[in-house]
Amino acid sequence: MEKEIEAEKQKLREEKEREDQLEKERQVENFMFLRFIKLLIRSNRQIEDAKNSLFQHKTFSLEESFRLFDFNNDGHVSTQELTKVFADHNIELANL
């Protein structure tokens, strides 16, 4: 009888340890997800600030900027065209 009680207590301890481990894993996943969301928000804010800064310049023209990237004047900007413009201005791109 005493062995059965001890075995039941051991099962309960193991179950509690598994639950605690799962909870820790969920907390880590939640933390990483929140960090990712924070990074996205920060990046979007920086993009929006840059866009607003560009549009405040009196000499800025969206059409002229597009033509800067569209070398072959086909109305589309390819990854090769983007890569060339950034390379010409010594801006490093990763995995474009």
C-alpha atoms as a PDB file:
ATOM      1  CA  MET A   1       0.000   0.000   0.000  1.00  0.00           C
ATOM      2  CA  GLU A   2       2.809   2.369   0.932  1.00  0.00           C
ATOM      3  CA  LYS A   3       4.578   1.589  -2.355  1.00  0.00           C
ATOM      4  CA  GLU A   4       1.405   2.407  -4.289  1.00  0.00           C
ATOM      5  CA  ILE A   5       1.089   5.756  -2.524  1.00  0.00           C
ATOM      6  CA  GLU A   6       4.747   6.559  -3.211  1.00  0.00           C
ATOM      7  CA  ALA A   7       4.349   5.524  -6.859  1.00  0.00           C
ATOM      8  CA  GLU A   8       1.273   7.784  -7.181  1.00  0.00           C
ATOM      9  CA  LYS A   9       3.180  10.689  -5.615  1.00  0.00           C
ATOM     10  CA  GLN A  10       6.037  10.099  -8.061  1.00  0.00           C
ATOM     11  CA  LYS A  11       3.602  10.133 -10.999  1.00  0.00           C
ATOM     12  CA  LEU A  12       2.127  13.394  -9.746  1.00  0.00           C
ATOM     13  CA  ARG A  13       5.602  14.954  -9.395  1.00  0.00           C
ATOM     14  CA  GLU A  14       6.545  13.868 -12.916  1.00  0.00           C
ATOM     15  CA  GLU A  15       3.285  15.234 -14.320  1.00  0.00           C
ATOM     16  CA  LYS A  16       3.877  18.526 -12.503  1.00  0.00           C
ATOM     17  CA  GLU A  17       7.416  18.692 -13.925  1.00  0.00           C
ATOM     18  CA  ARG A  18       6.098  18.094 -17.463  1.00  0.00           C
ATOM     19  CA  GLU A  19       3.459  20.798 -17.011  1.00  0.00           C
ATOM     20  CA  ASP A  20       6.068  23.215 -15.662  1.00  0.00           C
ATOM     21  CA  GLN A  21       8.364  22.484 -18.603  1.00  0.00           C
ATOM     22  CA  LEU A  22       5.534  23.040 -21.088  1.00  0.00           C
ATOM     23  CA  GLU A  23       4.655  26.315 -19.400  1.00  0.00           C
ATOM     24  CA  LYS A  24       8.275  27.486 -19.597  1.00  0.00           C
ATOM     25  CA  GLU A  25       8.368  26.583 -23.293  1.00  0.00           C
ATOM     26  CA  ARG A  26       5.140  28.525 -23.908  1.00  0.00           C
ATOM     27  CA  GLN A  27       6.559  31.521 -22.083  1.00  0.00           C
ATOM     28  CA  VAL A  28       9.719  31.443 -24.213  1.00  0.00           C
ATOM     29  CA  GLU A  29       7.655  31.160 -27.404  1.00  0.00           C
ATOM     30  CA  ASN A  30       5.459  34.063 -26.310  1.00  0.00           C
ATOM     31  CA  PHE A  31       8.516  36.149 -25.468  1.00  0.00           C
ATOM     32  CA  MET A  32      10.112  35.451 -28.854  1.00  0.00           C
ATOM     33  CA  PHE A  33       6.853  36.222 -30.665  1.00  0.00           C
ATOM     34  CA  LEU A  34       6.516  39.526 -28.811  1.00  0.00           C
ATOM     35  CA  ARG A  35      10.122  40.430 -29.668  1.00  0.00           C
ATOM     36  CA  PHE A  36       9.359  39.696 -33.321  1.00  0.00           C
ATOM     37  CA  ILE A  37       6.236  41.878 -33.262  1.00  0.00           C
ATOM     38  CA  LYS A  38       8.182  44.676 -31.579  1.00  0.00           C
ATOM     39  CA  LEU A  39      10.851  44.446 -34.292  1.00  0.00           C
ATOM     40  CA  LEU A  40       8.192  44.605 -37.023  1.00  0.00           C
ATOM     41  CA  ILE A  41       6.590  47.653 -35.429  1.00  0.00           C
ATOM     42  CA  ARG A  42       9.951  49.392 -35.087  1.00  0.00           C
ATOM     43  CA  SER A  43      10.859  48.597 -38.704  1.00  0.00           C
ATOM     44  CA  ASN A  44       7.503  49.822 -39.980  1.00  0.00           C
ATOM     45  CA  ARG A  45       7.912  53.024 -37.988  1.00  0.00           C
ATOM     46  CA  GLN A  46      11.366  53.600 -39.497  1.00  0.00           C
ATOM     47  CA  ILE A  47      10.026  52.980 -42.991  1.00  0.00           C
ATOM     48  CA  GLU A  48       7.144  55.359 -42.413  1.00  0.00           C
ATOM     49  CA  ASP A  49       9.512  58.039 -41.044  1.00  0.00           C
ATOM     50  CA  ALA A  50      11.786  57.667 -44.082  1.00  0.00           C
ATOM     51  CA  LYS A  51       8.801  57.893 -46.425  1.00  0.00           C
ATOM     52  CA  ASN A  52       7.524  61.025 -44.705  1.00  0.00           C
ATOM     53  CA  SER A  53      10.977  62.569 -44.813  1.00  0.00           C
ATOM     54  CA  LEU A  54      11.260  61.900 -48.551  1.00  0.00           C
ATOM     55  CA  PHE A  55       7.861  63.346 -49.351  1.00  0.00           C
ATOM     56  CA  GLN A  56       8.614  66.521 -47.398  1.00  0.00           C
ATOM     57  CA  HIS A  57      11.452  67.429 -49.767  1.00  0.00           C
ATOM     58  CA  LYS A  58      10.231  69.860 -52.404  1.00  0.00           C
ATOM     59  CA  THR A  59      12.404  68.253 -55.074  1.00  0.00           C
ATOM     60  CA  PHE A  60      11.257  64.688 -54.414  1.00  0.00           C
ATOM     61  CA  SER A  61       9.356  63.048 -57.250  1.00  0.00           C
ATOM     62  CA  LEU A  62       8.070  59.502 -57.004  1.00  0.00           C
ATOM     63  CA  GLU A  63       8.160  59.130 -60.777  1.00  0.00           C
ATOM     64  CA  GLU A  64      11.800  60.223 -60.993  1.00  0.00           C
ATOM     65  CA  SER A  65      12.707  57.900 -58.131  1.00  0.00           C
ATOM     66  CA  PHE A  66      11.026  54.999 -59.907  1.00  0.00           C
ATOM     67  CA  ARG A  67      12.919  55.781 -63.104  1.00  0.00           C
ATOM     68  CA  LEU A  68      16.156  55.652 -61.113  1.00  0.00           C
ATOM     69  CA  PHE A  69      15.478  51.960 -60.488  1.00  0.00           C
ATOM     70  CA  ASP A  70      13.768  51.039 -63.785  1.00  0.00           C
ATOM     71  CA  PHE A  71      16.823  50.970 -66.073  1.00  0.00           C
ATOM     72  CA  ASN A  72      15.134  49.263 -69.009  1.00  0.00           C
ATOM     73  CA  ASN A  73      12.002  51.460 -68.784  1.00  0.00           C
ATOM     74  CA  ASP A  74       9.626  48.509 -68.807  1.00  0.00           C
ATOM     75  CA  GLY A  75       7.481  49.839 -65.961  1.00  0.00           C
ATOM     76  CA  HIS A  76       8.740  47.187 -63.532  1.00  0.00           C
ATOM     77  CA  VAL A  77      11.668  47.106 -61.127  1.00  0.00           C
ATOM     78  CA  SER A  78      13.394  43.735 -61.041  1.00  0.00           C
ATOM     79  CA  THR A  79      15.614  42.402 -58.292  1.00  0.00           C
ATOM     80  CA  GLN A  80      18.575  42.824 -60.645  1.00  0.00           C
ATOM     81  CA  GLU A  81      17.754  46.510 -61.123  1.00  0.00           C
ATOM     82  CA  LEU A  82      17.383  47.010 -57.376  1.00  0.00           C
ATOM     83  CA  THR A  83      20.637  45.187 -56.722  1.00  0.00           C
ATOM     84  CA  LYS A  84      22.469  47.344 -59.265  1.00  0.00           C
ATOM     85  CA  VAL A  85      21.217  50.620 -57.798  1.00  0.00           C
ATOM     86  CA  PHE A  86      22.144  49.585 -54.279  1.00  0.00           C
ATOM     87  CA  ALA A  87      25.539  48.283 -55.419  1.00  0.00           C
ATOM     88  CA  ASP A  88      26.197  51.554 -57.284  1.00  0.00           C
ATOM     89  CA  HIS A  89      25.575  53.382 -53.996  1.00  0.00           C
ATOM     90  CA  ASN A  90      27.592  50.896 -51.889  1.00  0.00           C
ATOM     91  CA  ILE A  91      24.538  49.655 -50.001  1.00  0.00           C
ATOM     92  CA  GLU A  92      24.789  45.991 -49.078  1.00  0.00           C
ATOM     93  CA  LEU A  93      21.699  43.853 -49.537  1.00  0.00           C
ATOM     94  CA  ALA A  94      21.155  40.409 -48.080  1.00  0.00           C
ATOM     95  CA  ASN A  95      19.059  37.764 -49.852  1.00  0.00           C
ATOM     96  CA  LEU A  96      17.203  40.047 -52.249  1.00  0.00           C
END
